[in-house]
Structures are given as structure tokens and as C-alpha cells.
PDB file of N, CA and C in Angstrom:
ATOM      1  N   MET A   1     134.674 113.266 130.486  1.00  0.00           N
ATOM      2  CA  MET A   1     133.275 113.530 130.722  1.00  0.00           C
ATOM      3  C   MET A   1     132.934 113.364 132.204  1.00  0.00           C
ATOM      4  N   THR A   2     133.556 112.404 132.856  1.00  0.00           N
ATOM      5  CA  THR A   2     133.276 112.196 134.272  1.00  0.00           C
ATOM      6  C   THR A   2     133.643 113.424 135.087  1.00  0.00           C
ATOM      7  N   LYS A   3     134.780 114.039 134.780  1.00  0.00           N
ATOM      8  CA  LYS A   3     135.194 115.253 135.486  1.00  0.00           C
ATOM      9  C   LYS A   3     134.213 116.397 135.220  1.00  0.00           C
ATOM     10  N   LEU A   4     133.768 116.496 133.975  1.00  0.00           N
ATOM     11  CA  LEU A   4     132.822 117.552 133.617  1.00  0.00           C
ATOM     12  C   LEU A   4     131.506 117.370 134.371  1.00  0.00           C
ATOM     13  N   ILE A   5     130.995 116.147 134.407  1.00  0.00           N
ATOM     14  CA  ILE A   5     129.734 115.882 135.100  1.00  0.00           C
ATOM     15  C   ILE A   5     129.872 116.202 136.586  1.00  0.00           C
ATOM     16  N   ALA A   6     131.004 115.831 137.194  1.00  0.00           N
ATOM     17  CA  ALA A   6     131.236 116.141 138.610  1.00  0.00           C
ATOM     18  C   ALA A   6     131.291 117.653 138.832  1.00  0.00           C
ATOM     19  N   ALA A   7     131.950 118.381 137.918  1.00  0.00           N
ATOM     20  CA  ALA A   7     132.060 119.838 138.039  1.00  0.00           C
ATOM     21  C   ALA A   7     130.695 120.511 137.909  1.00  0.00           C
ATOM     22  N   MET A   8     129.801 119.932 137.113  1.00  0.00           N
ATOM     23  CA  MET A   8     128.474 120.505 136.910  1.00  0.00           C
ATOM     24  C   MET A   8     127.666 120.515 138.202  1.00  0.00           C
ATOM     25  N   LYS A   9     127.987 119.619 139.137  1.00  0.00           N
ATOM     26  CA  LYS A   9     127.254 119.538 140.399  1.00  0.00           C
ATOM     27  C   LYS A   9     127.706 120.590 141.403  1.00  0.00           C
ATOM     28  N   GLU A  10     128.832 121.234 141.153  1.00  0.00           N
ATOM     29  CA  GLU A  10     129.375 122.232 142.070  1.00  0.00           C
ATOM     30  C   GLU A  10     128.628 123.561 141.932  1.00  0.00           C
ATOM     31  N   PRO A  11     128.458 124.307 143.042  1.00  0.00           N
ATOM     32  CA  PRO A  11     127.807 125.619 142.965  1.00  0.00           C
ATOM     33  C   PRO A  11     128.613 126.568 142.062  1.00  0.00           C
ATOM     34  N   GLY A  12     127.916 127.363 141.294  1.00  0.00           N
ATOM     35  CA  GLY A  12     128.565 128.350 140.437  1.00  0.00           C
ATOM     36  C   GLY A  12     129.143 127.784 139.158  1.00  0.00           C
ATOM     37  N   PHE A  13     128.798 126.531 138.822  1.00  0.00           N
ATOM     38  CA  PHE A  13     129.326 125.932 137.597  1.00  0.00           C
ATOM     39  C   PHE A  13     128.896 126.740 136.380  1.00  0.00           C
ATOM     40  N   SER A  14     129.806 126.954 135.468  1.00  0.00           N
ATOM     41  CA  SER A  14     129.520 127.612 134.202  1.00  0.00           C
ATOM     42  C   SER A  14     130.048 126.717 133.085  1.00  0.00           C
ATOM     43  N   TRP A  15     129.188 126.411 132.121  1.00  0.00           N
ATOM     44  CA  TRP A  15     129.575 125.509 131.038  1.00  0.00           C
ATOM     45  C   TRP A  15     130.735 126.115 130.263  1.00  0.00           C
ATOM     46  N   PRO A  16     131.807 125.335 130.036  1.00  0.00           N
ATOM     47  CA  PRO A  16     132.929 125.863 129.260  1.00  0.00           C
ATOM     48  C   PRO A  16     132.529 126.065 127.801  1.00  0.00           C
ATOM     49  N   ILE A  17     132.861 127.209 127.259  1.00  0.00           N
ATOM     50  CA  ILE A  17     132.508 127.551 125.882  1.00  0.00           C
ATOM     51  C   ILE A  17     133.782 127.611 125.047  1.00  0.00           C
ATOM     52  N   CYS A  18     133.720 127.039 123.864  1.00  0.00           N
ATOM     53  CA  CYS A  18     134.840 127.104 122.932  1.00  0.00           C
ATOM     54  C   CYS A  18     134.511 128.176 121.896  1.00  0.00           C
ATOM     55  N   HIS A  19     135.011 129.387 122.122  1.00  0.00           N
ATOM     56  CA  HIS A  19     134.698 130.505 121.234  1.00  0.00           C
ATOM     57  C   HIS A  19     135.264 130.296 119.838  1.00  0.00           C
ATOM     58  N   GLU A  20     136.398 129.604 119.733  1.00  0.00           N
ATOM     59  CA  GLU A  20     136.998 129.360 118.420  1.00  0.00           C
ATOM     60  C   GLU A  20     136.102 128.492 117.535  1.00  0.00           C
ATOM     61  N   ALA A  21     135.348 127.583 118.156  1.00  0.00           N
ATOM     62  CA  ALA A  21     134.453 126.712 117.386  1.00  0.00           C
ATOM     63  C   ALA A  21     133.130 127.396 117.069  1.00  0.00           C
ATOM     64  N   ASN A  22     132.867 128.547 117.692  1.00  0.00           N
ATOM     65  CA  ASN A  22     131.620 129.283 117.479  1.00  0.00           C
ATOM     66  C   ASN A  22     130.406 128.412 117.796  1.00  0.00           C
ATOM     67  N   ALA A  23     130.544 127.572 118.822  1.00  0.00           N
ATOM     68  CA  ALA A  23     129.487 126.625 119.151  1.00  0.00           C
ATOM     69  C   ALA A  23     128.459 127.196 120.124  1.00  0.00           C
ATOM     70  N   GLY A  24     128.872 128.095 121.003  1.00  0.00           N
ATOM     71  CA  GLY A  24     127.936 128.625 121.983  1.00  0.00           C
ATOM     72  C   GLY A  24     127.629 127.623 123.072  1.00  0.00           C
ATOM     73  N   LYS A  25     126.541 127.871 123.795  1.00  0.00           N
ATOM     74  CA  LYS A  25     126.139 126.997 124.892  1.00  0.00           C
ATOM     75  C   LYS A  25     125.428 125.763 124.355  1.00  0.00           C
ATOM     76  N   PRO A  26     125.459 124.672 125.124  1.00  0.00           N
ATOM     77  CA  PRO A  26     124.746 123.469 124.676  1.00  0.00           C
ATOM     78  C   PRO A  26     123.238 123.660 124.791  1.00  0.00           C
ATOM     79  N   GLY A  27     122.508 122.879 124.032  1.00  0.00           N
ATOM     80  CA  GLY A  27     121.058 122.873 124.108  1.00  0.00           C
ATOM     81  C   GLY A  27     120.575 121.529 124.619  1.00  0.00           C
ATOM     82  N   ARG A  28     119.297 121.445 124.872  1.00  0.00           N
ATOM     83  CA  ARG A  28     118.709 120.184 125.331  1.00  0.00           C
ATOM     84  C   ARG A  28     117.316 120.047 124.750  1.00  0.00           C
ATOM     85  N   GLU A  29     117.045 118.886 124.191  1.00  0.00           N
ATOM     86  CA  GLU A  29     115.708 118.506 123.728  1.00  0.00           C
ATOM     87  C   GLU A  29     115.450 117.099 124.242  1.00  0.00           C
ATOM     88  N   THR A  30     114.565 116.974 125.202  1.00  0.00           N
ATOM     89  CA  THR A  30     114.299 115.692 125.850  1.00  0.00           C
ATOM     90  C   THR A  30     113.628 114.697 124.918  1.00  0.00           C
ATOM     91  N   TYR A  31     112.737 115.192 124.050  1.00  0.00           N
ATOM     92  CA  TYR A  31     111.904 114.303 123.249  1.00  0.00           C
ATOM     93  C   TYR A  31     112.256 114.340 121.769  1.00  0.00           C
ATOM     94  N   GLU A  32     112.043 113.185 121.108  1.00  0.00           N
ATOM     95  CA  GLU A  32     112.155 113.085 119.653  1.00  0.00           C
ATOM     96  C   GLU A  32     110.969 113.823 119.027  1.00  0.00           C
ATOM     97  N   ASP A  33     111.046 114.070 117.725  1.00  0.00           N
ATOM     98  CA  ASP A  33     109.905 114.626 117.014  1.00  0.00           C
ATOM     99  C   ASP A  33     108.784 113.588 116.999  1.00  0.00           C
ATOM    100  N   CYS A  34     107.548 114.064 116.957  1.00  0.00           N
ATOM    101  CA  CYS A  34     106.413 113.153 116.865  1.00  0.00           C
ATOM    102  C   CYS A  34     106.333 112.575 115.457  1.00  0.00           C
ATOM    103  N   PRO A  35     105.787 111.358 115.332  1.00  0.00           N
ATOM    104  CA  PRO A  35     105.630 110.753 114.012  1.00  0.00           C
ATOM    105  C   PRO A  35     104.720 111.586 113.112  1.00  0.00           C
ATOM    106  N   SER A  36     104.840 111.386 111.832  1.00  0.00           N
ATOM    107  CA  SER A  36     104.008 112.071 110.855  1.00  0.00           C
ATOM    108  C   SER A  36     102.536 111.809 111.161  1.00  0.00           C
ATOM    109  N   GLY A  37     101.718 112.830 111.039  1.00  0.00           N
ATOM    110  CA  GLY A  37     100.292 112.707 111.306  1.00  0.00           C
ATOM    111  C   GLY A  37      99.912 113.022 112.741  1.00  0.00           C
ATOM    112  N   THR A  38     100.909 113.324 113.575  1.00  0.00           N
ATOM    113  CA  THR A  38     100.638 113.694 114.964  1.00  0.00           C
ATOM    114  C   THR A  38     101.308 115.026 115.263  1.00  0.00           C
ATOM    115  N   THR A  39     100.871 115.658 116.337  1.00  0.00           N
ATOM    116  CA  THR A  39     101.488 116.902 116.784  1.00  0.00           C
ATOM    117  C   THR A  39     101.860 116.756 118.255  1.00  0.00           C
ATOM    118  N   ALA A  40     102.847 117.526 118.682  1.00  0.00           N
ATOM    119  CA  ALA A  40     103.295 117.479 120.072  1.00  0.00           C
ATOM    120  C   ALA A  40     102.316 118.231 120.962  1.00  0.00           C
ATOM    121  N   GLY A  41     102.027 117.666 122.120  1.00  0.00           N
ATOM    122  CA  GLY A  41     101.145 118.293 123.093  1.00  0.00           C
ATOM    123  C   GLY A  41     101.521 117.847 124.496  1.00  0.00           C
ATOM    124  N   SER A  42     100.964 118.506 125.490  1.00  0.00           N
ATOM    125  CA  SER A  42     101.274 118.199 126.884  1.00  0.00           C
ATOM    126  C   SER A  42     100.148 117.412 127.520  1.00  0.00           C
ATOM    127  N   SER A  43     100.530 116.548 128.459  1.00  0.00           N
ATOM    128  CA  SER A  43      99.533 115.738 129.147  1.00  0.00           C
ATOM    129  C   SER A  43      99.243 116.233 130.552  1.00  0.00           C
ATOM    130  N   SER A  44     100.055 117.142 131.058  1.00  0.00           N
ATOM    131  CA  SER A  44      99.868 117.569 132.442  1.00  0.00           C
ATOM    132  C   SER A  44      99.881 119.083 132.536  1.00  0.00           C
ATOM    133  N   GLN A  45      99.269 119.574 133.601  1.00  0.00           N
ATOM    134  CA  GLN A  45      99.249 121.007 133.854  1.00  0.00           C
ATOM    135  C   GLN A  45     100.141 121.329 135.038  1.00  0.00           C
ATOM    136  N   THR A  46     100.757 122.508 134.975  1.00  0.00           N
ATOM    137  CA  THR A  46     101.507 123.029 136.115  1.00  0.00           C
ATOM    138  C   THR A  46     100.694 124.170 136.707  1.00  0.00           C
ATOM    139  N   GLY A  47     101.201 124.820 137.720  1.00  0.00           N
ATOM    140  CA  GLY A  47     100.485 125.942 138.331  1.00  0.00           C
ATOM    141  C   GLY A  47     100.232 127.080 137.363  1.00  0.00           C
ATOM    142  N   ASN A  48     101.061 127.207 136.329  1.00  0.00           N
ATOM    143  CA  ASN A  48     100.926 128.305 135.361  1.00  0.00           C
ATOM    144  C   ASN A  48     100.275 127.852 134.065  1.00  0.00           C
ATOM    145  N   GLY A  49      99.719 126.645 134.004  1.00  0.00           N
ATOM    146  CA  GLY A  49      99.129 126.150 132.767  1.00  0.00           C
ATOM    147  C   GLY A  49      99.770 124.841 132.367  1.00  0.00           C
ATOM    148  N   TRP A  50      99.803 124.570 131.062  1.00  0.00           N
ATOM    149  CA  TRP A  50     100.343 123.304 130.568  1.00  0.00           C
ATOM    150  C   TRP A  50     101.848 123.256 130.764  1.00  0.00           C
ATOM    151  N   SER A  51     102.380 122.034 130.887  1.00  0.00           N
ATOM    152  CA  SER A  51     103.824 121.870 131.068  1.00  0.00           C
ATOM    153  C   SER A  51     104.555 122.459 129.880  1.00  0.00           C
ATOM    154  N   SER A  52     105.776 122.927 130.103  1.00  0.00           N
ATOM    155  CA  SER A  52     106.497 123.671 129.079  1.00  0.00           C
ATOM    156  C   SER A  52     107.006 122.802 127.937  1.00  0.00           C
ATOM    157  N   GLU A  53     107.267 121.526 128.186  1.00  0.00           N
ATOM    158  CA  GLU A  53     107.793 120.665 127.134  1.00  0.00           C
ATOM    159  C   GLU A  53     106.765 119.581 126.803  1.00  0.00           C
ATOM    160  N   PRO A  54     106.202 119.630 125.592  1.00  0.00           N
ATOM    161  CA  PRO A  54     105.170 118.654 125.226  1.00  0.00           C
ATOM    162  C   PRO A  54     105.697 117.221 125.328  1.00  0.00           C
ATOM    163  N   ASP A  55     104.972 116.358 126.042  1.00  0.00           N
ATOM    164  CA  ASP A  55     105.426 114.991 126.267  1.00  0.00           C
ATOM    165  C   ASP A  55     104.518 113.945 125.626  1.00  0.00           C
ATOM    166  N   GLN A  56     103.582 114.375 124.790  1.00  0.00           N
ATOM    167  CA  GLN A  56     102.661 113.464 124.114  1.00  0.00           C
ATOM    168  C   GLN A  56     102.635 113.755 122.621  1.00  0.00           C
ATOM    169  N   CYS A  57     102.365 112.728 121.828  1.00  0.00           N
ATOM    170  CA  CYS A  57     102.102 112.886 120.399  1.00  0.00           C
ATOM    171  C   CYS A  57     100.605 112.688 120.222  1.00  0.00           C
ATOM    172  N   ILE A  58      99.937 113.692 119.649  1.00  0.00           N
ATOM    173  CA  ILE A  58      98.476 113.705 119.589  1.00  0.00           C
ATOM    174  C   ILE A  58      98.018 113.583 118.142  1.00  0.00           C
ATOM    175  N   ARG A  59      97.057 112.686 117.947  1.00  0.00           N
ATOM    176  CA  ARG A  59      96.477 112.456 116.627  1.00  0.00           C
ATOM    177  C   ARG A  59      94.977 112.663 116.746  1.00  0.00           C
ATOM    178  N   THR A  60      94.404 113.454 115.841  1.00  0.00           N
ATOM    179  CA  THR A  60      92.958 113.674 115.807  1.00  0.00           C
ATOM    180  C   THR A  60      92.365 112.684 114.818  1.00  0.00           C
ATOM    181  N   VAL A  61      91.377 111.907 115.270  1.00  0.00           N
ATOM    182  CA  VAL A  61      90.786 110.858 114.435  1.00  0.00           C
ATOM    183  C   VAL A  61      89.267 110.952 114.440  1.00  0.00           C
ATOM    184  N   ASP A  62      88.666 110.437 113.370  1.00  0.00           N
ATOM    185  CA  ASP A  62      87.219 110.283 113.268  1.00  0.00           C
ATOM    186  C   ASP A  62      86.929 108.819 113.574  1.00  0.00           C
ATOM    187  N   ILE A  63      86.470 108.529 114.796  1.00  0.00           N
ATOM    188  CA  ILE A  63      86.289 107.145 115.208  1.00  0.00           C
ATOM    189  C   ILE A  63      84.990 106.532 114.695  1.00  0.00           C
ATOM    190  N   CYS A  64      84.168 107.312 113.992  1.00  0.00           N
ATOM    191  CA  CYS A  64      82.894 106.800 113.484  1.00  0.00           C
ATOM    192  C   CYS A  64      82.934 106.512 111.988  1.00  0.00           C
ATOM    193  N   ARG A  65      84.106 106.503 111.388  1.00  0.00           N
ATOM    194  CA  ARG A  65      84.152 106.397 109.924  1.00  0.00           C
ATOM    195  C   ARG A  65      83.672 105.049 109.397  1.00  0.00           C
ATOM    196  N   THR A  66      83.763 103.977 110.178  1.00  0.00           N
ATOM    197  CA  THR A  66      83.214 102.686 109.756  1.00  0.00           C
ATOM    198  C   THR A  66      82.596 102.004 110.971  1.00  0.00           C
ATOM    199  N   PRO A  67      81.623 101.121 110.760  1.00  0.00           N
ATOM    200  CA  PRO A  67      81.030 100.404 111.908  1.00  0.00           C
ATOM    201  C   PRO A  67      82.112  99.615 112.648  1.00  0.00           C
ATOM    202  N   GLY A  68      82.054  99.651 113.961  1.00  0.00           N
ATOM    203  CA  GLY A  68      83.012  98.906 114.768  1.00  0.00           C
ATOM    204  C   GLY A  68      84.378  99.561 114.881  1.00  0.00           C
ATOM    205  N   GLN A  69      84.558 100.724 114.316  1.00  0.00           N
ATOM    206  CA  GLN A  69      85.871 101.379 114.321  1.00  0.00           C
ATOM    207  C   GLN A  69      86.288 101.801 115.730  1.00  0.00           C
ATOM    208  N   ARG A  70      85.334 102.111 116.605  1.00  0.00           N
ATOM    209  CA  ARG A  70      85.678 102.533 117.960  1.00  0.00           C
ATOM    210  C   ARG A  70      86.580 101.510 118.658  1.00  0.00           C
ATOM    211  N   ALA A  71      86.285 100.236 118.528  1.00  0.00           N
ATOM    212  CA  ALA A  71      87.046  99.215 119.234  1.00  0.00           C
ATOM    213  C   ALA A  71      88.347  98.855 118.532  1.00  0.00           C
ATOM    214  N   SER A  72      88.481  99.188 117.249  1.00  0.00           N
ATOM    215  CA  SER A  72      89.657  98.720 116.516  1.00  0.00           C
ATOM    216  C   SER A  72      90.536  99.846 115.979  1.00  0.00           C
ATOM    217  N   ASP A  73      90.408 101.050 116.480  1.00  0.00           N
ATOM    218  CA  ASP A  73      91.187 102.175 115.961  1.00  0.00           C
ATOM    219  C   ASP A  73      92.587 102.188 116.575  1.00  0.00           C
ATOM    220  N   GLY A  74      93.502 101.498 115.936  1.00  0.00           N
ATOM    221  CA  GLY A  74      94.885 101.509 116.413  1.00  0.00           C
ATOM    222  C   GLY A  74      95.096 100.543 117.552  1.00  0.00           C
ATOM    223  N   ASN A  75      96.255 100.622 118.132  1.00  0.00           N
ATOM    224  CA  ASN A  75      96.641  99.765 119.247  1.00  0.00           C
ATOM    225  C   ASN A  75      96.143 100.397 120.543  1.00  0.00           C
ATOM    226  N   GLN A  76      94.986  99.987 121.018  1.00  0.00           N
ATOM    227  CA  GLN A  76      94.357 100.608 122.189  1.00  0.00           C
ATOM    228  C   GLN A  76      95.145 100.398 123.476  1.00  0.00           C
ATOM    229  N   SER A  77      96.052  99.422 123.512  1.00  0.00           N
ATOM    230  CA  SER A  77      96.817  99.197 124.737  1.00  0.00           C
ATOM    231  C   SER A  77      97.830 100.305 124.976  1.00  0.00           C
ATOM    232  N   ARG A  78      98.231 101.054 123.938  1.00  0.00           N
ATOM    233  CA  ARG A  78      99.230 102.101 124.095  1.00  0.00           C
ATOM    234  C   ARG A  78      98.633 103.499 124.071  1.00  0.00           C
ATOM    235  N   VAL A  79      97.377 103.653 123.714  1.00  0.00           N
ATOM    236  CA  VAL A  79      96.826 104.987 123.521  1.00  0.00           C
ATOM    237  C   VAL A  79      95.875 105.375 124.634  1.00  0.00           C
ATOM    238  N   VAL A  80      95.765 106.653 124.824  1.00  0.00           N
ATOM    239  CA  VAL A  80      94.837 107.208 125.802  1.00  0.00           C
ATOM    240  C   VAL A  80      93.998 108.236 125.071  1.00  0.00           C
ATOM    241  N   ILE A  81      92.689 108.086 125.101  1.00  0.00           N
ATOM    242  CA  ILE A  81      91.832 109.083 124.466  1.00  0.00           C
ATOM    243  C   ILE A  81      91.745 110.264 125.415  1.00  0.00           C
ATOM    244  N   ARG A  82      92.257 111.404 124.964  1.00  0.00           N
ATOM    245  CA  ARG A  82      92.345 112.581 125.819  1.00  0.00           C
ATOM    246  C   ARG A  82      91.028 113.320 125.929  1.00  0.00           C
ATOM    247  N   ARG A  83      90.388 113.576 124.811  1.00  0.00           N
ATOM    248  CA  ARG A  83      89.124 114.295 124.908  1.00  0.00           C
ATOM    249  C   ARG A  83      88.373 114.138 123.604  1.00  0.00           C
ATOM    250  N   SER A  84      87.068 114.295 123.682  1.00  0.00           N
ATOM    251  CA  SER A  84      86.248 114.248 122.480  1.00  0.00           C
ATOM    252  C   SER A  84      85.610 115.614 122.314  1.00  0.00           C
ATOM    253  N   PHE A  85      85.208 115.881 121.102  1.00  0.00           N
ATOM    254  CA  PHE A  85      84.590 117.157 120.797  1.00  0.00           C
ATOM    255  C   PHE A  85      83.090 116.946 120.684  1.00  0.00           C
ATOM    256  N   GLY A  86      82.325 117.799 121.265  1.00  0.00           N
ATOM    257  CA  GLY A  86      80.874 117.674 121.270  1.00  0.00           C
ATOM    258  C   GLY A  86      80.361 118.022 122.652  1.00  0.00           C
ATOM    259  N   ASP A  87      79.088 118.385 122.724  1.00  0.00           N
ATOM    260  CA  ASP A  87      78.513 118.834 123.987  1.00  0.00           C
ATOM    261  C   ASP A  87      78.524 117.757 125.064  1.00  0.00           C
ATOM    262  N   ARG A  88      78.267 116.502 124.699  1.00  0.00           N
ATOM    263  CA  ARG A  88      78.177 115.437 125.693  1.00  0.00           C
ATOM    264  C   ARG A  88      79.342 114.454 125.578  1.00  0.00           C
ATOM    265  N   GLY A  89      80.387 114.823 124.849  1.00  0.00           N
ATOM    266  CA  GLY A  89      81.497 113.900 124.667  1.00  0.00           C
ATOM    267  C   GLY A  89      81.159 112.762 123.731  1.00  0.00           C
ATOM    268  N   ASP A  90      80.100 112.945 122.886  1.00  0.00           N
ATOM    269  CA  ASP A  90      79.658 111.869 122.011  1.00  0.00           C
ATOM    270  C   ASP A  90      80.059 112.096 120.556  1.00  0.00           C
ATOM    271  N   SER A  91      80.999 112.957 120.322  1.00  0.00           N
ATOM    272  CA  SER A  91      81.415 113.259 118.961  1.00  0.00           C
ATOM    273  C   SER A  91      82.271 112.132 118.391  1.00  0.00           C
ATOM    274  N   CYS A  92      82.284 112.042 117.076  1.00  0.00           N
ATOM    275  CA  CYS A  92      83.138 111.058 116.402  1.00  0.00           C
ATOM    276  C   CYS A  92      84.582 111.536 116.322  1.00  0.00           C
ATOM    277  N   ILE A  93      84.810 112.822 116.502  1.00  0.00           N
ATOM    278  CA  ILE A  93      86.165 113.377 116.407  1.00  0.00           C
ATOM    279  C   ILE A  93      86.793 113.355 117.797  1.00  0.00           C
ATOM    280  N   GLN A  94      87.895 112.630 117.931  1.00  0.00           N
ATOM    281  CA  GLN A  94      88.571 112.540 119.219  1.00  0.00           C
ATOM    282  C   GLN A  94      90.071 112.709 119.028  1.00  0.00           C
ATOM    283  N   GLN A  95      90.724 113.098 120.104  1.00  0.00           N
ATOM    284  CA  GLN A  95      92.178 113.197 120.099  1.00  0.00           C
ATOM    285  C   GLN A  95      92.749 112.008 120.858  1.00  0.00           C
ATOM    286  N   ILE A  96      93.695 111.329 120.238  1.00  0.00           N
ATOM    287  CA  ILE A  96      94.338 110.180 120.850  1.00  0.00           C
ATOM    288  C   ILE A  96      95.800 110.539 121.082  1.00  0.00           C
ATOM    289  N   ALA A  97      96.265 110.324 122.305  1.00  0.00           N
ATOM    290  CA  ALA A  97      97.630 110.687 122.674  1.00  0.00           C
ATOM    291  C   ALA A  97      98.447 109.451 123.011  1.00  0.00           C
ATOM    292  N   THR A  98      99.689 109.453 122.571  1.00  0.00           N
ATOM    293  CA  THR A  98     100.644 108.411 122.932  1.00  0.00           C
ATOM    294  C   THR A  98     101.864 109.104 123.530  1.00  0.00           C
ATOM    295  N   PRO A  99     102.591 108.434 124.410  1.00  0.00           N
ATOM    296  CA  PRO A  99     103.783 109.060 124.979  1.00  0.00           C
ATOM    297  C   PRO A  99     104.790 109.400 123.879  1.00  0.00           C
ATOM    298  N   ARG A 100     105.357 110.574 123.974  1.00  0.00           N
ATOM    299  CA  ARG A 100     106.343 111.029 122.993  1.00  0.00           C
ATOM    300  C   ARG A 100     107.679 110.329 123.268  1.00  0.00           C
ATOM    301  N   PRO A 101     108.345 109.803 122.234  1.00  0.00           N
ATOM    302  CA  PRO A 101     109.607 109.092 122.460  1.00  0.00           C
ATOM    303  C   PRO A 101     110.695 110.017 123.007  1.00  0.00           C
ATOM    304  N   ARG A 102     111.460 109.511 123.978  1.00  0.00           N
ATOM    305  CA  ARG A 102     112.577 110.273 124.552  1.00  0.00           C
ATOM    306  C   ARG A 102     113.836 110.052 123.724  1.00  0.00           C
ATOM    307  N   ARG A 103     114.651 111.100 123.635  1.00  0.00           N
ATOM    308  CA  ARG A 103     115.929 111.010 122.927  1.00  0.00           C
ATOM    309  C   ARG A 103     116.935 110.228 123.771  1.00  0.00           C
ATOM    310  N   ALA A 104     117.724 109.392 123.113  1.00  0.00           N
ATOM    311  CA  ALA A 104     118.820 108.696 123.804  1.00  0.00           C
ATOM    312  C   ALA A 104     119.912 109.705 124.155  1.00  0.00           C
ATOM    313  N   ASP A 105     120.139 110.677 123.290  1.00  0.00           N
ATOM    314  CA  ASP A 105     121.151 111.723 123.485  1.00  0.00           C
ATOM    315  C   ASP A 105     120.442 113.073 123.462  1.00  0.00           C
ATOM    316  N   PRO A 106     120.005 113.584 124.626  1.00  0.00           N
ATOM    317  CA  PRO A 106     119.168 114.782 124.635  1.00  0.00           C
ATOM    318  C   PRO A 106     119.905 116.119 124.551  1.00  0.00           C
ATOM    319  N   TYR A 107     121.222 116.130 124.753  1.00  0.00           N
ATOM    320  CA  TYR A 107     121.992 117.380 124.710  1.00  0.00           C
ATOM    321  C   TYR A 107     122.629 117.545 123.333  1.00  0.00           C
ATOM    322  N   TYR A 108     122.870 118.804 122.947  1.00  0.00           N
ATOM    323  CA  TYR A 108     123.489 119.039 121.640  1.00  0.00           C
ATOM    324  C   TYR A 108     124.293 120.333 121.632  1.00  0.00           C
ATOM    325  N   PHE A 109     125.194 120.384 120.682  1.00  0.00           N
ATOM    326  CA  PHE A 109     125.896 121.604 120.307  1.00  0.00           C
ATOM    327  C   PHE A 109     125.626 121.836 118.832  1.00  0.00           C
ATOM    328  N   ASP A 110     125.427 123.081 118.448  1.00  0.00           N
ATOM    329  CA  ASP A 110     125.347 123.459 117.039  1.00  0.00           C
ATOM    330  C   ASP A 110     126.697 124.052 116.674  1.00  0.00           C
ATOM    331  N   ILE A 111     127.434 123.355 115.814  1.00  0.00           N
ATOM    332  CA  ILE A 111     128.787 123.759 115.455  1.00  0.00           C
ATOM    333  C   ILE A 111     128.840 124.000 113.947  1.00  0.00           C
ATOM    334  N   PRO A 112     129.338 125.176 113.519  1.00  0.00           N
ATOM    335  CA  PRO A 112     129.415 125.448 112.078  1.00  0.00           C
ATOM    336  C   PRO A 112     130.460 124.558 111.397  1.00  0.00           C
ATOM    337  N   ASN A 113     130.119 124.076 110.195  1.00  0.00           N
ATOM    338  CA  ASN A 113     131.084 123.304 109.407  1.00  0.00           C
ATOM    339  C   ASN A 113     131.957 124.254 108.594  1.00  0.00           C
ATOM    340  N   LYS A 114     132.757 123.738 107.670  1.00  0.00           N
ATOM    341  CA  LYS A 114     133.680 124.570 106.890  1.00  0.00           C
ATOM    342  C   LYS A 114     132.955 125.608 106.042  1.00  0.00           C
ATOM    343  N   GLN A 115     131.722 125.326 105.664  1.00  0.00           N
ATOM    344  CA  GLN A 115     130.931 126.272 104.864  1.00  0.00           C
ATOM    345  C   GLN A 115     130.174 127.265 105.747  1.00  0.00           C
ATOM    346  N   GLY A 116     130.303 127.147 107.075  1.00  0.00           N
ATOM    347  CA  GLY A 116     129.622 128.050 107.987  1.00  0.00           C
ATOM    348  C   GLY A 116     128.205 127.632 108.331  1.00  0.00           C
ATOM    349  N   VAL A 117     127.772 126.475 107.842  1.00  0.00           N
ATOM    350  CA  VAL A 117     126.431 125.980 108.128  1.00  0.00           C
ATOM    351  C   VAL A 117     126.488 125.184 109.432  1.00  0.00           C
ATOM    352  N   LYS A 118     125.625 125.541 110.383  1.00  0.00           N
ATOM    353  CA  LYS A 118     125.648 124.859 111.681  1.00  0.00           C
ATOM    354  C   LYS A 118     125.106 123.442 111.559  1.00  0.00           C
ATOM    355  N   GLN A 119     125.839 122.518 112.169  1.00  0.00           N
ATOM    356  CA  GLN A 119     125.418 121.124 112.253  1.00  0.00           C
ATOM    357  C   GLN A 119     125.199 120.788 113.716  1.00  0.00           C
ATOM    358  N   ARG A 120     124.203 119.976 113.969  1.00  0.00           N
ATOM    359  CA  ARG A 120     123.870 119.604 115.341  1.00  0.00           C
ATOM    360  C   ARG A 120     124.574 118.299 115.706  1.00  0.00           C
ATOM    361  N   PHE A 121     125.256 118.318 116.860  1.00  0.00           N
ATOM    362  CA  PHE A 121     125.938 117.149 117.389  1.00  0.00           C
ATOM    363  C   PHE A 121     125.301 116.800 118.728  1.00  0.00           C
ATOM    364  N   TRP A 122     124.719 115.599 118.804  1.00  0.00           N
ATOM    365  CA  TRP A 122     123.987 115.146 119.979  1.00  0.00           C
ATOM    366  C   TRP A 122     124.904 114.380 120.918  1.00  0.00           C
ATOM    367  N   PHE A 123     124.664 114.480 122.230  1.00  0.00           N
ATOM    368  CA  PHE A 123     125.419 113.716 123.212  1.00  0.00           C
ATOM    369  C   PHE A 123     124.578 113.521 124.466  1.00  0.00           C
ATOM    370  N   ASN A 124     125.073 112.660 125.366  1.00  0.00           N
ATOM    371  CA  ASN A 124     124.350 112.305 126.578  1.00  0.00           C
ATOM    372  C   ASN A 124     125.293 112.440 127.759  1.00  0.00           C
ATOM    373  N   LEU A 125     124.848 113.036 128.845  1.00  0.00           N
ATOM    374  CA  LEU A 125     125.651 113.185 130.046  1.00  0.00           C
ATOM    375  C   LEU A 125     125.375 112.105 131.086  1.00  0.00           C
ATOM    376  N   ASN A 126     124.417 111.254 130.819  1.00  0.00           N
ATOM    377  CA  ASN A 126     124.098 110.179 131.769  1.00  0.00           C
ATOM    378  C   ASN A 126     125.045 109.012 131.565  1.00  0.00           C
ATOM    379  N   HIS A 127     125.255 108.278 132.626  1.00  0.00           N
ATOM    380  CA  HIS A 127     126.124 107.090 132.535  1.00  0.00           C
ATOM    381  C   HIS A 127     125.332 105.900 132.090  1.00  0.00           C
TER     382      HIS A 127
END
């Protein structure tokens, strides 16, 4: 792996492909899936719009469902309220975003098993 990583830094590097394994080129997914009840979204904009890879998990909540719920809705030390719906930002419906978890092994190959069904194998190129 050390030789491969060093070769990747050279100009004109082309990832070696094993045609016999029918694996193709490697893929990369930086982030884990968001937890149930949330959807992936972006927190920053680039010159062309939102960033290409969603880095936040967003949950839409009704913060007015019980008295005092505004102060006690989840772990406020980890969440950032992104925006509220309503003309003056006074709506009970708000979106709460938390950082999306990063994968320990962000690279993968999809390799077919004996039945021809592709299985994903994750790996990491960092030391």
C-alpha cells in the first residue's frame, strides 16, 4: 500500500484495474449515511451553489409541540438551527443540522461474488 500511495502522487498516475475481478475503478464516499429521521444536506455554498457532497444530517422538527420545548429539544450543544420557516423566522417548524459522520474507510471497490452479485469492500489510504 505504501508503494501505491507514493505512486498516486506522481503525475499521470492511473489506478491499476484488475479486469479479471470485474471490479472497475475504486469509489469514494467520505460520509456515513445519516441516522434514521434525518436527511443529508450541505452546510456551505461554493461559487456554483451548494457543496457537492452533503456534510450535514438535517432533521425537521416542530419546536412548539410542548411548552418549554424550545430549550430542551435534543442536545443543543451539538446542533445548529439552520433556518426556520415563516415570514419573520418565528415558525415552530425548524431544521436542525448536525455534522454528518465521516467514514473510517472512505474508499471502496465493488467486486462481484461467485453468484455475480457485487459486494462493496471498504478501505483507507491514509496512514
